[in-house]
C-alpha atoms as a PDB file:
ATOM      1  CA  MET A   1     122.554 165.823-160.277  1.00  0.00           C
ATOM      2  CA  GLU A   2     122.329 169.746-161.593  1.00  0.00           C
ATOM      3  CA  SER A   3     125.007 171.302-163.393  1.00  0.00           C
ATOM      4  CA  ILE A   4     127.471 173.680-161.774  1.00  0.00           C
ATOM      5  CA  GLU A   5     125.910 176.382-164.059  1.00  0.00           C
ATOM      6  CA  ALA A   6     122.405 175.377-163.293  1.00  0.00           C
ATOM      7  CA  LEU A   7     123.221 175.872-159.424  1.00  0.00           C
ATOM      8  CA  THR A   8     125.098 179.242-159.925  1.00  0.00           C
ATOM      9  CA  ARG A   9     122.273 180.578-161.781  1.00  0.00           C
ATOM     10  CA  PHE A  10     119.906 179.472-158.973  1.00  0.00           C
ATOM     11  CA  PHE A  11     122.189 180.777-156.155  1.00  0.00           C
ATOM     12  CA  GLY A  12     122.503 184.272-158.373  1.00  0.00           C
ATOM     13  CA  TRP A  13     118.642 184.707-158.488  1.00  0.00           C
ATOM     14  CA  CYS A  14     118.379 183.651-154.807  1.00  0.00           C
ATOM     15  CA  ALA A  15     121.143 186.297-154.078  1.00  0.00           C
ATOM     16  CA  VAL A  16     119.416 188.929-156.114  1.00  0.00           C
ATOM     17  CA  ILE A  17     115.824 188.144-154.630  1.00  0.00           C
ATOM     18  CA  ASN A  18     117.073 188.235-150.924  1.00  0.00           C
ATOM     19  CA  ILE A  19     119.192 191.427-151.193  1.00  0.00           C
ATOM     20  CA  SER A  20     116.202 193.061-153.038  1.00  0.00           C
ATOM     21  CA  PHE A  21     113.838 192.055-150.409  1.00  0.00           C
ATOM     22  CA  LEU A  22     116.615 193.183-147.737  1.00  0.00           C
ATOM     23  CA  ILE A  23     116.877 196.759-149.466  1.00  0.00           C
ATOM     24  CA  LEU A  24     112.865 196.912-149.431  1.00  0.00           C
ATOM     25  CA  ALA A  25     112.550 196.067-145.773  1.00  0.00           C
ATOM     26  CA  THR A  26     115.291 198.671-144.726  1.00  0.00           C
ATOM     27  CA  PHE A  27     113.436 201.337-146.972  1.00  0.00           C
ATOM     28  CA  PHE A  28     110.143 200.659-145.154  1.00  0.00           C
ATOM     29  CA  VAL A  29     111.875 200.396-141.551  1.00  0.00           C
ATOM     30  CA  THR A  30     113.901 203.542-142.357  1.00  0.00           C
ATOM     31  CA  PHE A  31     111.253 205.710-144.299  1.00  0.00           C
ATOM     32  CA  MET A  32     107.996 204.571-142.898  1.00  0.00           C
ATOM     33  CA  ARG A  33     109.140 204.083-139.278  1.00  0.00           C
ATOM     34  CA  GLY A  34     106.412 206.139-137.826  1.00  0.00           C
ATOM     35  CA  LEU A  35     103.594 204.374-139.554  1.00  0.00           C
ATOM     36  CA  ALA A  36     105.298 200.635-138.929  1.00  0.00           C
ATOM     37  CA  VAL A  37     105.839 201.440-135.268  1.00  0.00           C
ATOM     38  CA  ASN A  38     102.463 202.788-134.778  1.00  0.00           C
ATOM     39  CA  LEU A  39     100.990 199.834-136.369  1.00  0.00           C
ATOM     40  CA  HIS A  40     102.912 197.239-134.584  1.00  0.00           C
ATOM     41  CA  THR A  41     102.614 199.104-131.217  1.00  0.00           C
ATOM     42  CA  LYS A  42      99.093 198.625-131.343  1.00  0.00           C
ATOM     43  CA  MET A  43      99.091 195.176-132.860  1.00  0.00           C
ATOM     44  CA  PHE A  44     101.608 193.513-130.306  1.00  0.00           C
ATOM     45  CA  ALA A  45     101.357 195.882-127.119  1.00  0.00           C
ATOM     46  CA  LEU A  46     105.061 196.405-127.012  1.00  0.00           C
ATOM     47  CA  SER A  47     106.830 199.616-126.502  1.00  0.00           C
ATOM     48  CA  GLU A  48     108.426 201.668-129.015  1.00  0.00           C
ATOM     49  CA  GLU A  49     112.031 200.626-128.138  1.00  0.00           C
ATOM     50  CA  ASP A  50     110.929 196.915-128.156  1.00  0.00           C
ATOM     51  CA  ILE A  51     109.595 197.396-131.850  1.00  0.00           C
ATOM     52  CA  LEU A  52     112.797 199.237-132.946  1.00  0.00           C
ATOM     53  CA  ARG A  53     114.984 196.688-131.434  1.00  0.00           C
ATOM     54  CA  ALA A  54     113.057 193.949-133.206  1.00  0.00           C
ATOM     55  CA  TYR A  55     113.277 195.435-136.372  1.00  0.00           C
ATOM     56  CA  PHE A  56     117.035 195.818-136.285  1.00  0.00           C
ATOM     57  CA  GLN A  57     117.299 192.442-134.861  1.00  0.00           C
ATOM     58  CA  TYR A  58     115.125 191.298-137.941  1.00  0.00           C
ATOM     59  CA  LEU A  59     117.309 193.008-140.424  1.00  0.00           C
ATOM     60  CA  ALA A  60     120.523 191.706-139.086  1.00  0.00           C
ATOM     61  CA  GLN A  61     119.396 188.151-138.949  1.00  0.00           C
ATOM     62  CA  TYR A  62     118.147 188.539-142.227  1.00  0.00           C
ATOM     63  CA  LYS A  63     121.310 189.815-143.729  1.00  0.00           C
ATOM     64  CA  ILE A  64     123.479 187.298-142.132  1.00  0.00           C
ATOM     65  CA  ALA A  65     120.933 184.265-143.390  1.00  0.00           C
ATOM     66  CA  ALA A  66     120.913 186.006-147.374  1.00  0.00           C
ATOM     67  CA  LEU A  67     124.705 186.178-147.304  1.00  0.00           C
ATOM     68  CA  VAL A  68     125.196 182.694-145.797  1.00  0.00           C
ATOM     69  CA  LEU A  69     122.695 181.031-147.584  1.00  0.00           C
ATOM     70  CA  SER A  70     122.649 182.424-151.351  1.00  0.00           C
ATOM     71  CA  VAL A  71     125.753 184.826-151.748  1.00  0.00           C
ATOM     72  CA  VAL A  72     128.509 182.553-150.245  1.00  0.00           C
ATOM     73  CA  PRO A  73     127.241 179.716-152.342  1.00  0.00           C
ATOM     74  CA  TYR A  74     127.005 181.747-155.567  1.00  0.00           C
ATOM     75  CA  VAL A  75     130.515 183.294-155.120  1.00  0.00           C
ATOM     76  CA  SER A  76     132.042 179.631-154.400  1.00  0.00           C
ATOM     77  CA  LEU A  77     130.171 178.185-157.267  1.00  0.00           C
ATOM     78  CA  LYS A  78     131.478 181.085-159.633  1.00  0.00           C
ATOM     79  CA  LEU A  79     135.082 180.412-158.332  1.00  0.00           C
ATOM     80  CA  MET A  80     134.850 176.851-158.883  1.00  0.00           C
ATOM     81  CA  SER A  81     133.702 177.386-162.739  1.00  0.00           C
END
């Protein structure tokens, strides 16, 4: 079985990668909205409101998943050691 230190490092890097990806995705959705909406409305034949709702839902669900699956285990392991 892995040591607590190795698991702590693993979840720490998972948290860093997930939060970085979340910040990058938020940046693209915020500052390149016109390009992204135009591309996705053509690709999926959805209205602009549906696309914007999907972006918000995606970011919200990814944030929850990143917190639950990487940040919380990291903090728990740090508290244990």
